[in-house]
Amino acid sequence: MSASNEEERSVRAAVEGELRLLDPGVRASPDAVTELLDPEFIEFGASGRRYDRTSILDVTSAVDESAPDPSIATEMSGVLLAPGLVHLTYVSEGNGRRVRRSSLWRLSESGWRMYFHQGTPITPS
């Protein structure tokens, strides 16, 4: 397999995982979210809070019937940093705000899992 095929397949797997984590149905299931997060997962949220794999479940599984439509990912881009490690960047848009996002996905025996995530709000110009 060529390096470009490995990169394409790895980036595609990370993008699929990222998009699953944005899906409200997946987010509502702690088991589904846990399956996509590395045991050592850390997030620096757009709020400035630091989350680990356990504490992020409180956020993702919170049901808010009045919540607007889920976030939409735009400008998605990915690169294979090393075998088994993908860096994704994109912009999420939802709830009247835009957030620049960065994720690291690493390959484990269980498949691709998010290892690190950071969200930085985009302030209007």
PDB file of N, CA and C in Angstrom:
ATOM      1  N   MET A   1       0.847  -1.176   0.000  1.00  0.00           N
ATOM      2  CA  MET A   1       0.000   0.000   0.000  1.00  0.00           C
ATOM      3  C   MET A   1       0.888   1.233   0.000  1.00  0.00           C
ATOM      4  N   SER A   2       0.539   2.195  -0.834  1.00  0.00           N
ATOM      5  CA  SER A   2       1.334   3.412  -0.914  1.00  0.00           C
ATOM      6  C   SER A   2       1.002   4.338   0.249  1.00  0.00           C
ATOM      7  N   ALA A   3       1.918   5.262   0.502  1.00  0.00           N
ATOM      8  CA  ALA A   3       1.725   6.217   1.592  1.00  0.00           C
ATOM      9  C   ALA A   3       0.465   7.044   1.371  1.00  0.00           C
ATOM     10  N   SER A   4       0.168   7.420   0.125  1.00  0.00           N
ATOM     11  CA  SER A   4      -1.015   8.244  -0.130  1.00  0.00           C
ATOM     12  C   SER A   4      -2.305   7.458   0.147  1.00  0.00           C
ATOM     13  N   ASN A   5      -2.323   6.150  -0.152  1.00  0.00           N
ATOM     14  CA  ASN A   5      -3.497   5.332   0.166  1.00  0.00           C
ATOM     15  C   ASN A   5      -3.682   5.220   1.671  1.00  0.00           C
ATOM     16  N   GLU A   6      -2.581   5.043   2.398  1.00  0.00           N
ATOM     17  CA  GLU A   6      -2.657   4.965   3.859  1.00  0.00           C
ATOM     18  C   GLU A   6      -3.181   6.284   4.420  1.00  0.00           C
ATOM     19  N   GLU A   7      -2.667   7.398   3.911  1.00  0.00           N
ATOM     20  CA  GLU A   7      -3.115   8.704   4.400  1.00  0.00           C
ATOM     21  C   GLU A   7      -4.594   8.912   4.103  1.00  0.00           C
ATOM     22  N   GLU A   8      -4.998   8.614   2.888  1.00  0.00           N
ATOM     23  CA  GLU A   8      -6.397   8.809   2.505  1.00  0.00           C
ATOM     24  C   GLU A   8      -7.330   7.970   3.375  1.00  0.00           C
ATOM     25  N   ARG A   9      -7.005   6.711   3.573  1.00  0.00           N
ATOM     26  CA  ARG A   9      -7.835   5.817   4.375  1.00  0.00           C
ATOM     27  C   ARG A   9      -7.869   6.262   5.849  1.00  0.00           C
ATOM     28  N   SER A  10      -6.732   6.667   6.373  1.00  0.00           N
ATOM     29  CA  SER A  10      -6.652   7.104   7.771  1.00  0.00           C
ATOM     30  C   SER A  10      -7.440   8.390   7.996  1.00  0.00           C
ATOM     31  N   VAL A  11      -7.257   9.358   7.109  1.00  0.00           N
ATOM     32  CA  VAL A  11      -7.974  10.630   7.242  1.00  0.00           C
ATOM     33  C   VAL A  11      -9.477  10.394   7.111  1.00  0.00           C
ATOM     34  N   ARG A  12      -9.876   9.561   6.167  1.00  0.00           N
ATOM     35  CA  ARG A  12     -11.301   9.277   5.983  1.00  0.00           C
ATOM     36  C   ARG A  12     -11.892   8.660   7.252  1.00  0.00           C
ATOM     37  N   ALA A  13     -11.177   7.737   7.886  1.00  0.00           N
ATOM     38  CA  ALA A  13     -11.658   7.100   9.122  1.00  0.00           C
ATOM     39  C   ALA A  13     -11.811   8.130  10.237  1.00  0.00           C
ATOM     40  N   ALA A  14     -10.856   9.049  10.353  1.00  0.00           N
ATOM     41  CA  ALA A  14     -10.934  10.088  11.391  1.00  0.00           C
ATOM     42  C   ALA A  14     -12.099  11.034  11.116  1.00  0.00           C
ATOM     43  N   VAL A  15     -12.286  11.429   9.866  1.00  0.00           N
ATOM     44  CA  VAL A  15     -13.399  12.315   9.510  1.00  0.00           C
ATOM     45  C   VAL A  15     -14.729  11.637   9.834  1.00  0.00           C
ATOM     46  N   GLU A  16     -14.850  10.363   9.491  1.00  0.00           N
ATOM     47  CA  GLU A  16     -16.089   9.632   9.797  1.00  0.00           C
ATOM     48  C   GLU A  16     -16.355   9.613  11.303  1.00  0.00           C
ATOM     49  N   GLY A  17     -15.316   9.391  12.098  1.00  0.00           N
ATOM     50  CA  GLY A  17     -15.475   9.403  13.548  1.00  0.00           C
ATOM     51  C   GLY A  17     -15.879  10.776  14.058  1.00  0.00           C
ATOM     52  N   GLU A  18     -15.234  11.800  13.533  1.00  0.00           N
ATOM     53  CA  GLU A  18     -15.543  13.179  13.943  1.00  0.00           C
ATOM     54  C   GLU A  18     -17.006  13.510  13.644  1.00  0.00           C
ATOM     55  N   LEU A  19     -17.458  13.169  12.452  1.00  0.00           N
ATOM     56  CA  LEU A  19     -18.842  13.455  12.064  1.00  0.00           C
ATOM     57  C   LEU A  19     -19.825  12.649  12.913  1.00  0.00           C
ATOM     58  N   ARG A  20     -19.461  11.444  13.277  1.00  0.00           N
ATOM     59  CA  ARG A  20     -20.325  10.661  14.178  1.00  0.00           C
ATOM     60  C   ARG A  20     -20.464  11.360  15.525  1.00  0.00           C
ATOM     61  N   LEU A  21     -19.364  11.933  16.030  1.00  0.00           N
ATOM     62  CA  LEU A  21     -19.430  12.625  17.320  1.00  0.00           C
ATOM     63  C   LEU A  21     -20.278  13.900  17.260  1.00  0.00           C
ATOM     64  N   LEU A  22     -20.505  14.433  16.084  1.00  0.00           N
ATOM     65  CA  LEU A  22     -21.374  15.599  15.936  1.00  0.00           C
ATOM     66  C   LEU A  22     -22.844  15.204  15.802  1.00  0.00           C
ATOM     67  N   ASP A  23     -23.117  13.944  15.554  1.00  0.00           N
ATOM     68  CA  ASP A  23     -24.473  13.443  15.348  1.00  0.00           C
ATOM     69  C   ASP A  23     -25.218  13.415  16.692  1.00  0.00           C
ATOM     70  N   PRO A  24     -26.365  14.097  16.792  1.00  0.00           N
ATOM     71  CA  PRO A  24     -27.101  14.124  18.064  1.00  0.00           C
ATOM     72  C   PRO A  24     -27.472  12.733  18.583  1.00  0.00           C
ATOM     73  N   GLY A  25     -27.770  11.799  17.699  1.00  0.00           N
ATOM     74  CA  GLY A  25     -28.100  10.447  18.127  1.00  0.00           C
ATOM     75  C   GLY A  25     -26.929   9.740  18.774  1.00  0.00           C
ATOM     76  N   VAL A  26     -25.740   9.945  18.237  1.00  0.00           N
ATOM     77  CA  VAL A  26     -24.525   9.363  18.819  1.00  0.00           C
ATOM     78  C   VAL A  26     -24.215  10.061  20.136  1.00  0.00           C
ATOM     79  N   ARG A  27     -24.303  11.387  20.144  1.00  0.00           N
ATOM     80  CA  ARG A  27     -23.983  12.152  21.347  1.00  0.00           C
ATOM     81  C   ARG A  27     -24.896  11.788  22.523  1.00  0.00           C
ATOM     82  N   ALA A  28     -26.121  11.376  22.235  1.00  0.00           N
ATOM     83  CA  ALA A  28     -27.069  11.015  23.284  1.00  0.00           C
ATOM     84  C   ALA A  28     -26.765   9.662  23.910  1.00  0.00           C
ATOM     85  N   SER A  29     -25.867   8.889  23.293  1.00  0.00           N
ATOM     86  CA  SER A  29     -25.540   7.557  23.790  1.00  0.00           C
ATOM     87  C   SER A  29     -24.140   7.542  24.408  1.00  0.00           C
ATOM     88  N   PRO A  30     -24.048   7.492  25.738  1.00  0.00           N
ATOM     89  CA  PRO A  30     -22.724   7.436  26.370  1.00  0.00           C
ATOM     90  C   PRO A  30     -21.861   6.285  25.838  1.00  0.00           C
ATOM     91  N   ASP A  31     -22.471   5.147  25.547  1.00  0.00           N
ATOM     92  CA  ASP A  31     -21.699   4.014  25.018  1.00  0.00           C
ATOM     93  C   ASP A  31     -21.119   4.339  23.643  1.00  0.00           C
ATOM     94  N   ALA A  32     -21.912   4.980  22.785  1.00  0.00           N
ATOM     95  CA  ALA A  32     -21.438   5.328  21.444  1.00  0.00           C
ATOM     96  C   ALA A  32     -20.312   6.355  21.512  1.00  0.00           C
ATOM     97  N   VAL A  33     -20.451   7.341  22.397  1.00  0.00           N
ATOM     98  CA  VAL A  33     -19.398   8.356  22.546  1.00  0.00           C
ATOM     99  C   VAL A  33     -18.132   7.715  23.098  1.00  0.00           C
ATOM    100  N   THR A  34     -18.275   6.906  24.134  1.00  0.00           N
ATOM    101  CA  THR A  34     -17.117   6.243  24.745  1.00  0.00           C
ATOM    102  C   THR A  34     -16.359   5.403  23.725  1.00  0.00           C
ATOM    103  N   GLU A  35     -17.090   4.757  22.823  1.00  0.00           N
ATOM    104  CA  GLU A  35     -16.468   3.931  21.797  1.00  0.00           C
ATOM    105  C   GLU A  35     -15.570   4.751  20.869  1.00  0.00           C
ATOM    106  N   LEU A  36     -15.893   6.040  20.710  1.00  0.00           N
ATOM    107  CA  LEU A  36     -15.135   6.900  19.796  1.00  0.00           C
ATOM    108  C   LEU A  36     -14.017   7.687  20.482  1.00  0.00           C
ATOM    109  N   LEU A  37     -13.965   7.641  21.806  1.00  0.00           N
ATOM    110  CA  LEU A  37     -12.955   8.404  22.541  1.00  0.00           C
ATOM    111  C   LEU A  37     -11.867   7.503  23.100  1.00  0.00           C
ATOM    112  N   ASP A  38     -10.630   7.921  22.928  1.00  0.00           N
ATOM    113  CA  ASP A  38      -9.483   7.219  23.482  1.00  0.00           C
ATOM    114  C   ASP A  38      -9.576   7.241  25.017  1.00  0.00           C
ATOM    115  N   PRO A  39      -9.122   6.198  25.697  1.00  0.00           N
ATOM    116  CA  PRO A  39      -9.143   6.211  27.158  1.00  0.00           C
ATOM    117  C   PRO A  39      -8.400   7.417  27.754  1.00  0.00           C
ATOM    118  N   GLU A  40      -7.421   7.961  27.043  1.00  0.00           N
ATOM    119  CA  GLU A  40      -6.648   9.107  27.530  1.00  0.00           C
ATOM    120  C   GLU A  40      -7.152  10.435  26.961  1.00  0.00           C
ATOM    121  N   PHE A  41      -8.371  10.453  26.426  1.00  0.00           N
ATOM    122  CA  PHE A  41      -8.949  11.637  25.790  1.00  0.00           C
ATOM    123  C   PHE A  41      -8.913  12.862  26.693  1.00  0.00           C
ATOM    124  N   ILE A  42      -8.575  14.006  26.077  1.00  0.00           N
ATOM    125  CA  ILE A  42      -8.606  15.324  26.726  1.00  0.00           C
ATOM    126  C   ILE A  42      -9.207  16.309  25.732  1.00  0.00           C
ATOM    127  N   GLU A  43     -10.043  17.218  26.231  1.00  0.00           N
ATOM    128  CA  GLU A  43     -10.572  18.295  25.401  1.00  0.00           C
ATOM    129  C   GLU A  43     -10.442  19.611  26.131  1.00  0.00           C
ATOM    130  N   PHE A  44     -10.028  20.634  25.386  1.00  0.00           N
ATOM    131  CA  PHE A  44     -10.119  22.015  25.840  1.00  0.00           C
ATOM    132  C   PHE A  44     -11.268  22.609  25.048  1.00  0.00           C
ATOM    133  N   GLY A  45     -12.425  22.748  25.706  1.00  0.00           N
ATOM    134  CA  GLY A  45     -13.631  23.188  25.025  1.00  0.00           C
ATOM    135  C   GLY A  45     -13.613  24.655  24.664  1.00  0.00           C
ATOM    136  N   ALA A  46     -14.536  25.022  23.777  1.00  0.00           N
ATOM    137  CA  ALA A  46     -14.680  26.424  23.369  1.00  0.00           C
ATOM    138  C   ALA A  46     -15.032  27.297  24.572  1.00  0.00           C
ATOM    139  N   SER A  47     -15.586  26.680  25.619  1.00  0.00           N
ATOM    140  CA  SER A  47     -15.926  27.395  26.851  1.00  0.00           C
ATOM    141  C   SER A  47     -14.692  27.692  27.705  1.00  0.00           C
ATOM    142  N   GLY A  48     -13.576  27.022  27.387  1.00  0.00           N
ATOM    143  CA  GLY A  48     -12.377  27.155  28.196  1.00  0.00           C
ATOM    144  C   GLY A  48     -12.224  26.030  29.211  1.00  0.00           C
ATOM    145  N   ARG A  49     -13.261  25.203  29.356  1.00  0.00           N
ATOM    146  CA  ARG A  49     -13.189  24.080  30.295  1.00  0.00           C
ATOM    147  C   ARG A  49     -12.325  22.963  29.757  1.00  0.00           C
ATOM    148  N   ARG A  50     -11.747  22.199  30.667  1.00  0.00           N
ATOM    149  CA  ARG A  50     -10.965  21.007  30.330  1.00  0.00           C
ATOM    150  C   ARG A  50     -11.823  19.795  30.654  1.00  0.00           C
ATOM    151  N   TYR A  51     -11.911  18.881  29.701  1.00  0.00           N
ATOM    152  CA  TYR A  51     -12.695  17.666  29.877  1.00  0.00           C
ATOM    153  C   TYR A  51     -11.800  16.450  29.690  1.00  0.00           C
ATOM    154  N   ASP A  52     -12.193  15.352  30.367  1.00  0.00           N
ATOM    155  CA  ASP A  52     -11.582  14.056  30.082  1.00  0.00           C
ATOM    156  C   ASP A  52     -12.698  13.149  29.562  1.00  0.00           C
ATOM    157  N   ARG A  53     -12.377  11.903  29.347  1.00  0.00           N
ATOM    158  CA  ARG A  53     -13.339  10.976  28.748  1.00  0.00           C
ATOM    159  C   ARG A  53     -14.607  10.844  29.592  1.00  0.00           C
ATOM    160  N   THR A  54     -14.474  10.869  30.905  1.00  0.00           N
ATOM    161  CA  THR A  54     -15.641  10.736  31.777  1.00  0.00           C
ATOM    162  C   THR A  54     -16.465  12.016  31.824  1.00  0.00           C
ATOM    163  N   SER A  55     -15.817  13.153  32.028  1.00  0.00           N
ATOM    164  CA  SER A  55     -16.565  14.403  32.190  1.00  0.00           C
ATOM    165  C   SER A  55     -17.228  14.876  30.897  1.00  0.00           C
ATOM    166  N   ILE A  56     -16.692  14.520  29.729  1.00  0.00           N
ATOM    167  CA  ILE A  56     -17.308  14.958  28.477  1.00  0.00           C
ATOM    168  C   ILE A  56     -18.656  14.279  28.276  1.00  0.00           C
ATOM    169  N   LEU A  57     -18.872  13.107  28.883  1.00  0.00           N
ATOM    170  CA  LEU A  57     -20.149  12.414  28.741  1.00  0.00           C
ATOM    171  C   LEU A  57     -21.299  13.216  29.337  1.00  0.00           C
ATOM    172  N   ASP A  58     -21.031  14.016  30.381  1.00  0.00           N
ATOM    173  CA  ASP A  58     -22.074  14.873  30.947  1.00  0.00           C
ATOM    174  C   ASP A  58     -22.544  15.899  29.922  1.00  0.00           C
ATOM    175  N   VAL A  59     -21.625  16.377  29.092  1.00  0.00           N
ATOM    176  CA  VAL A  59     -21.953  17.380  28.088  1.00  0.00           C
ATOM    177  C   VAL A  59     -22.645  16.750  26.894  1.00  0.00           C
ATOM    178  N   THR A  60     -22.084  15.660  26.390  1.00  0.00           N
ATOM    179  CA  THR A  60     -22.625  15.064  25.179  1.00  0.00           C
ATOM    180  C   THR A  60     -23.980  14.407  25.394  1.00  0.00           C
ATOM    181  N   SER A  61     -24.235  13.883  26.590  1.00  0.00           N
ATOM    182  CA  SER A  61     -25.492  13.175  26.813  1.00  0.00           C
ATOM    183  C   SER A  61     -26.593  14.069  27.367  1.00  0.00           C
ATOM    184  N   ALA A  62     -26.300  15.353  27.619  1.00  0.00           N
ATOM    185  CA  ALA A  62     -27.329  16.277  28.110  1.00  0.00           C
ATOM    186  C   ALA A  62     -28.384  16.464  27.022  1.00  0.00           C
ATOM    187  N   VAL A  63     -29.630  16.193  27.363  1.00  0.00           N
ATOM    188  CA  VAL A  63     -30.726  16.327  26.404  1.00  0.00           C
ATOM    189  C   VAL A  63     -31.396  17.676  26.619  1.00  0.00           C
ATOM    190  N   ASP A  64     -31.445  18.457  25.553  1.00  0.00           N
ATOM    191  CA  ASP A  64     -32.080  19.771  25.608  1.00  0.00           C
ATOM    192  C   ASP A  64     -33.081  19.830  24.457  1.00  0.00           C
ATOM    193  N   GLU A  65     -34.358  19.657  24.786  1.00  0.00           N
ATOM    194  CA  GLU A  65     -35.398  19.609  23.762  1.00  0.00           C
ATOM    195  C   GLU A  65     -35.509  20.929  22.996  1.00  0.00           C
ATOM    196  N   SER A  66     -35.095  22.048  23.608  1.00  0.00           N
ATOM    197  CA  SER A  66     -35.213  23.343  22.946  1.00  0.00           C
ATOM    198  C   SER A  66     -33.981  23.692  22.119  1.00  0.00           C
ATOM    199  N   ALA A  67     -32.999  22.806  22.119  1.00  0.00           N
ATOM    200  CA  ALA A  67     -31.756  23.093  21.394  1.00  0.00           C
ATOM    201  C   ALA A  67     -32.022  23.201  19.898  1.00  0.00           C
ATOM    202  N   PRO A  68     -31.372  24.167  19.240  1.00  0.00           N
ATOM    203  CA  PRO A  68     -31.513  24.277  17.806  1.00  0.00           C
ATOM    204  C   PRO A  68     -30.840  23.102  17.099  1.00  0.00           C
ATOM    205  N   ASP A  69     -30.873  23.139  15.787  1.00  0.00           N
ATOM    206  CA  ASP A  69     -30.270  22.077  14.996  1.00  0.00           C
ATOM    207  C   ASP A  69     -28.826  21.841  15.405  1.00  0.00           C
ATOM    208  N   PRO A  70     -28.322  20.617  15.174  1.00  0.00           N
ATOM    209  CA  PRO A  70     -26.935  20.301  15.547  1.00  0.00           C
ATOM    210  C   PRO A  70     -25.930  21.112  14.733  1.00  0.00           C
ATOM    211  N   SER A  71     -24.706  21.131  15.230  1.00  0.00           N
ATOM    212  CA  SER A  71     -23.629  21.839  14.543  1.00  0.00           C
ATOM    213  C   SER A  71     -23.348  21.209  13.191  1.00  0.00           C
ATOM    214  N   ILE A  72     -22.935  22.048  12.267  1.00  0.00           N
ATOM    215  CA  ILE A  72     -22.533  21.610  10.936  1.00  0.00           C
ATOM    216  C   ILE A  72     -21.039  21.853  10.808  1.00  0.00           C
ATOM    217  N   ALA A  73     -20.325  20.868  10.281  1.00  0.00           N
ATOM    218  CA  ALA A  73     -18.871  20.982  10.095  1.00  0.00           C
ATOM    219  C   ALA A  73     -18.589  21.485   8.679  1.00  0.00           C
ATOM    220  N   THR A  74     -17.752  22.513   8.592  1.00  0.00           N
ATOM    221  CA  THR A  74     -17.311  23.033   7.295  1.00  0.00           C
ATOM    222  C   THR A  74     -15.787  23.129   7.318  1.00  0.00           C
ATOM    223  N   GLU A  75     -15.209  23.294   6.156  1.00  0.00           N
ATOM    224  CA  GLU A  75     -13.755  23.486   6.025  1.00  0.00           C
ATOM    225  C   GLU A  75     -12.966  22.305   6.618  1.00  0.00           C
ATOM    226  N   MET A  76     -13.525  21.098   6.533  1.00  0.00           N
ATOM    227  CA  MET A  76     -12.873  19.913   7.105  1.00  0.00           C
ATOM    228  C   MET A  76     -11.590  19.599   6.330  1.00  0.00           C
ATOM    229  N   SER A  77     -10.505  19.419   7.066  1.00  0.00           N
ATOM    230  CA  SER A  77      -9.212  19.099   6.471  1.00  0.00           C
ATOM    231  C   SER A  77      -8.476  18.145   7.405  1.00  0.00           C
ATOM    232  N   GLY A  78      -7.745  17.199   6.826  1.00  0.00           N
ATOM    233  CA  GLY A  78      -7.017  16.247   7.652  1.00  0.00           C
ATOM    234  C   GLY A  78      -5.680  15.884   7.052  1.00  0.00           C
ATOM    235  N   VAL A  79      -4.770  15.492   7.938  1.00  0.00           N
ATOM    236  CA  VAL A  79      -3.435  15.068   7.497  1.00  0.00           C
ATOM    237  C   VAL A  79      -2.953  13.940   8.411  1.00  0.00           C
ATOM    238  N   LEU A  80      -2.297  12.969   7.808  1.00  0.00           N
ATOM    239  CA  LEU A  80      -1.684  11.881   8.564  1.00  0.00           C
ATOM    240  C   LEU A  80      -0.339  12.392   9.084  1.00  0.00           C
ATOM    241  N   LEU A  81      -0.221  12.550  10.413  1.00  0.00           N
ATOM    242  CA  LEU A  81       1.020  13.051  11.011  1.00  0.00           C
ATOM    243  C   LEU A  81       2.077  11.953  11.114  1.00  0.00           C
ATOM    244  N   ALA A  82       1.623  10.744  11.380  1.00  0.00           N
ATOM    245  CA  ALA A  82       2.486   9.557  11.519  1.00  0.00           C
ATOM    246  C   ALA A  82       1.560   8.362  11.376  1.00  0.00           C
ATOM    247  N   PRO A  83       2.094   7.188  11.126  1.00  0.00           N
ATOM    248  CA  PRO A  83       1.207   6.029  11.048  1.00  0.00           C
ATOM    249  C   PRO A  83       0.348   5.935  12.312  1.00  0.00           C
ATOM    250  N   GLY A  84      -0.966   5.883  12.118  1.00  0.00           N
ATOM    251  CA  GLY A  84      -1.872   5.762  13.251  1.00  0.00           C
ATOM    252  C   GLY A  84      -2.187   7.053  13.969  1.00  0.00           C
ATOM    253  N   LEU A  85      -1.860   8.224  13.392  1.00  0.00           N
ATOM    254  CA  LEU A  85      -2.137   9.508  14.036  1.00  0.00           C
ATOM    255  C   LEU A  85      -2.575  10.533  12.992  1.00  0.00           C
ATOM    256  N   VAL A  86      -3.822  10.982  13.098  1.00  0.00           N
ATOM    257  CA  VAL A  86      -4.399  11.934  12.142  1.00  0.00           C
ATOM    258  C   VAL A  86      -4.778  13.215  12.862  1.00  0.00           C
ATOM    259  N   HIS A  87      -4.476  14.361  12.226  1.00  0.00           N
ATOM    260  CA  HIS A  87      -4.878  15.670  12.728  1.00  0.00           C
ATOM    261  C   HIS A  87      -5.977  16.212  11.826  1.00  0.00           C
ATOM    262  N   LEU A  88      -7.126  16.551  12.418  1.00  0.00           N
ATOM    263  CA  LEU A  88      -8.232  17.160  11.679  1.00  0.00           C
ATOM    264  C   LEU A  88      -8.429  18.592  12.142  1.00  0.00           C
ATOM    265  N   THR A  89      -8.797  19.456  11.213  1.00  0.00           N
ATOM    266  CA  THR A  89      -9.229  20.810  11.549  1.00  0.00           C
ATOM    267  C   THR A  89     -10.504  21.092  10.777  1.00  0.00           C
ATOM    268  N   TYR A  90     -11.380  21.882  11.386  1.00  0.00           N
ATOM    269  CA  TYR A  90     -12.622  22.275  10.731  1.00  0.00           C
ATOM    270  C   TYR A  90     -13.273  23.395  11.524  1.00  0.00           C
ATOM    271  N   VAL A  91     -14.367  23.914  10.980  1.00  0.00           N
ATOM    272  CA  VAL A  91     -15.158  24.927  11.656  1.00  0.00           C
ATOM    273  C   VAL A  91     -16.526  24.330  11.920  1.00  0.00           C
ATOM    274  N   SER A  92     -17.000  24.462  13.159  1.00  0.00           N
ATOM    275  CA  SER A  92     -18.370  24.040  13.462  1.00  0.00           C
ATOM    276  C   SER A  92     -19.233  25.288  13.531  1.00  0.00           C
ATOM    277  N   GLU A  93     -20.435  25.154  12.986  1.00  0.00           N
ATOM    278  CA  GLU A  93     -21.377  26.265  12.992  1.00  0.00           C
ATOM    279  C   GLU A  93     -22.690  25.767  13.552  1.00  0.00           C
ATOM    280  N   GLY A  94     -23.180  26.442  14.567  1.00  0.00           N
ATOM    281  CA  GLY A  94     -24.446  26.072  15.175  1.00  0.00           C
ATOM    282  C   GLY A  94     -24.730  26.943  16.377  1.00  0.00           C
ATOM    283  N   ASN A  95     -25.977  27.004  16.749  1.00  0.00           N
ATOM    284  CA  ASN A  95     -26.395  27.803  17.913  1.00  0.00           C
ATOM    285  C   ASN A  95     -25.932  29.254  17.811  1.00  0.00           C
ATOM    286  N   GLY A  96     -25.834  29.756  16.590  1.00  0.00           N
ATOM    287  CA  GLY A  96     -25.465  31.155  16.392  1.00  0.00           C
ATOM    288  C   GLY A  96     -23.997  31.465  16.598  1.00  0.00           C
ATOM    289  N   ARG A  97     -23.152  30.450  16.623  1.00  0.00           N
ATOM    290  CA  ARG A  97     -21.725  30.728  16.785  1.00  0.00           C
ATOM    291  C   ARG A  97     -20.893  29.806  15.915  1.00  0.00           C
ATOM    292  N   ARG A  98     -19.692  30.279  15.648  1.00  0.00           N
ATOM    293  CA  ARG A  98     -18.728  29.500  14.865  1.00  0.00           C
ATOM    294  C   ARG A  98     -17.527  29.208  15.754  1.00  0.00           C
ATOM    295  N   VAL A  99     -17.017  27.972  15.638  1.00  0.00           N
ATOM    296  CA  VAL A  99     -15.881  27.546  16.458  1.00  0.00           C
ATOM    297  C   VAL A  99     -14.880  26.839  15.560  1.00  0.00           C
ATOM    298  N   ARG A 100     -13.624  27.269  15.644  1.00  0.00           N
ATOM    299  CA  ARG A 100     -12.545  26.581  14.939  1.00  0.00           C
ATOM    300  C   ARG A 100     -12.139  25.385  15.801  1.00  0.00           C
ATOM    301  N   ARG A 101     -12.072  24.192  15.175  1.00  0.00           N
ATOM    302  CA  ARG A 101     -11.833  22.967  15.937  1.00  0.00           C
ATOM    303  C   ARG A 101     -10.625  22.208  15.414  1.00  0.00           C
ATOM    304  N   SER A 102      -9.957  21.523  16.328  1.00  0.00           N
ATOM    305  CA  SER A 102      -8.775  20.734  16.019  1.00  0.00           C
ATOM    306  C   SER A 102      -8.846  19.439  16.819  1.00  0.00           C
ATOM    307  N   SER A 103      -8.650  18.307  16.129  1.00  0.00           N
ATOM    308  CA  SER A 103      -8.717  17.006  16.790  1.00  0.00           C
ATOM    309  C   SER A 103      -7.544  16.141  16.374  1.00  0.00           C
ATOM    310  N   LEU A 104      -7.073  15.348  17.314  1.00  0.00           N
ATOM    311  CA  LEU A 104      -6.097  14.299  17.018  1.00  0.00           C
ATOM    312  C   LEU A 104      -6.789  12.965  17.198  1.00  0.00           C
ATOM    313  N   TRP A 105      -6.685  12.126  16.188  1.00  0.00           N
ATOM    314  CA  TRP A 105      -7.245  10.782  16.211  1.00  0.00           C
ATOM    315  C   TRP A 105      -6.104   9.786  16.142  1.00  0.00           C
ATOM    316  N   ARG A 106      -6.162   8.760  17.007  1.00  0.00           N
ATOM    317  CA  ARG A 106      -5.115   7.739  16.928  1.00  0.00           C
ATOM    318  C   ARG A 106      -5.738   6.360  16.812  1.00  0.00           C
ATOM    319  N   LEU A 107      -5.023   5.529  16.101  1.00  0.00           N
ATOM    320  CA  LEU A 107      -5.471   4.169  15.845  1.00  0.00           C
ATOM    321  C   LEU A 107      -5.102   3.273  17.019  1.00  0.00           C
ATOM    322  N   SER A 108      -6.079   2.532  17.512  1.00  0.00           N
ATOM    323  CA  SER A 108      -5.843   1.584  18.604  1.00  0.00           C
ATOM    324  C   SER A 108      -6.322   0.206  18.147  1.00  0.00           C
ATOM    325  N   GLU A 109      -6.197  -0.756  19.016  1.00  0.00           N
ATOM    326  CA  GLU A 109      -6.697  -2.093  18.702  1.00  0.00           C
ATOM    327  C   GLU A 109      -8.204  -2.078  18.484  1.00  0.00           C
ATOM    328  N   SER A 110      -8.878  -1.072  19.049  1.00  0.00           N
ATOM    329  CA  SER A 110     -10.335  -0.943  18.922  1.00  0.00           C
ATOM    330  C   SER A 110     -10.750  -0.090  17.735  1.00  0.00           C
ATOM    331  N   GLY A 111      -9.791   0.410  16.974  1.00  0.00           N
ATOM    332  CA  GLY A 111     -10.097   1.281  15.839  1.00  0.00           C
ATOM    333  C   GLY A 111      -9.654   2.710  16.103  1.00  0.00           C
ATOM    334  N   TRP A 112     -10.121   3.615  15.263  1.00  0.00           N
ATOM    335  CA  TRP A 112      -9.759   5.028  15.388  1.00  0.00           C
ATOM    336  C   TRP A 112     -10.548   5.671  16.507  1.00  0.00           C
ATOM    337  N   ARG A 113      -9.829   6.379  17.382  1.00  0.00           N
ATOM    338  CA  ARG A 113     -10.454   7.056  18.515  1.00  0.00           C
ATOM    339  C   ARG A 113      -9.859   8.460  18.663  1.00  0.00           C
ATOM    340  N   MET A 114     -10.735   9.392  19.087  1.00  0.00           N
ATOM    341  CA  MET A 114     -10.279  10.752  19.311  1.00  0.00           C
ATOM    342  C   MET A 114      -9.422  10.798  20.573  1.00  0.00           C
ATOM    343  N   TYR A 115      -8.208  11.322  20.431  1.00  0.00           N
ATOM    344  CA  TYR A 115      -7.257  11.416  21.536  1.00  0.00           C
ATOM    345  C   TYR A 115      -7.284  12.814  22.162  1.00  0.00           C
ATOM    346  N   PHE A 116      -7.433  13.838  21.320  1.00  0.00           N
ATOM    347  CA  PHE A 116      -7.403  15.228  21.803  1.00  0.00           C
ATOM    348  C   PHE A 116      -8.332  16.068  20.944  1.00  0.00           C
ATOM    349  N   HIS A 117      -8.972  17.057  21.580  1.00  0.00           N
ATOM    350  CA  HIS A 117      -9.840  17.983  20.835  1.00  0.00           C
ATOM    351  C   HIS A 117      -9.748  19.364  21.473  1.00  0.00           C
ATOM    352  N   GLN A 118      -9.775  20.384  20.619  1.00  0.00           N
ATOM    353  CA  GLN A 118      -9.819  21.760  21.118  1.00  0.00           C
ATOM    354  C   GLN A 118     -10.750  22.568  20.252  1.00  0.00           C
ATOM    355  N   GLY A 119     -11.553  23.412  20.901  1.00  0.00           N
ATOM    356  CA  GLY A 119     -12.439  24.329  20.201  1.00  0.00           C
ATOM    357  C   GLY A 119     -12.114  25.762  20.599  1.00  0.00           C
ATOM    358  N   THR A 120     -11.976  26.632  19.592  1.00  0.00           N
ATOM    359  CA  THR A 120     -11.692  28.049  19.840  1.00  0.00           C
ATOM    360  C   THR A 120     -12.745  28.881  19.134  1.00  0.00           C
ATOM    361  N   PRO A 121     -13.527  29.658  19.887  1.00  0.00           N
ATOM    362  CA  PRO A 121     -14.571  30.476  19.253  1.00  0.00           C
ATOM    363  C   PRO A 121     -13.974  31.443  18.239  1.00  0.00           C
ATOM    364  N   ILE A 122     -14.711  31.650  17.158  1.00  0.00           N
ATOM    365  CA  ILE A 122     -14.330  32.634  16.141  1.00  0.00           C
ATOM    366  C   ILE A 122     -15.131  33.880  16.441  1.00  0.00           C
ATOM    367  N   THR A 123     -14.448  34.943  16.751  1.00  0.00           N
ATOM    368  CA  THR A 123     -15.144  36.186  17.054  1.00  0.00           C
ATOM    369  C   THR A 123     -15.463  36.929  15.763  1.00  0.00           C
ATOM    370  N   PRO A 124     -16.663  37.506  15.684  1.00  0.00           N
ATOM    371  CA  PRO A 124     -17.018  38.250  14.472  1.00  0.00           C
ATOM    372  C   PRO A 124     -16.030  39.403  14.246  1.00  0.00           C
ATOM    373  N   SER A 125     -15.732  39.663  12.990  1.00  0.00           N
ATOM    374  CA  SER A 125     -14.776  40.744  12.672  1.00  0.00           C
ATOM    375  C   SER A 125     -15.411  42.098  12.852  1.00  0.00           C
TER     376      SER A 125
END
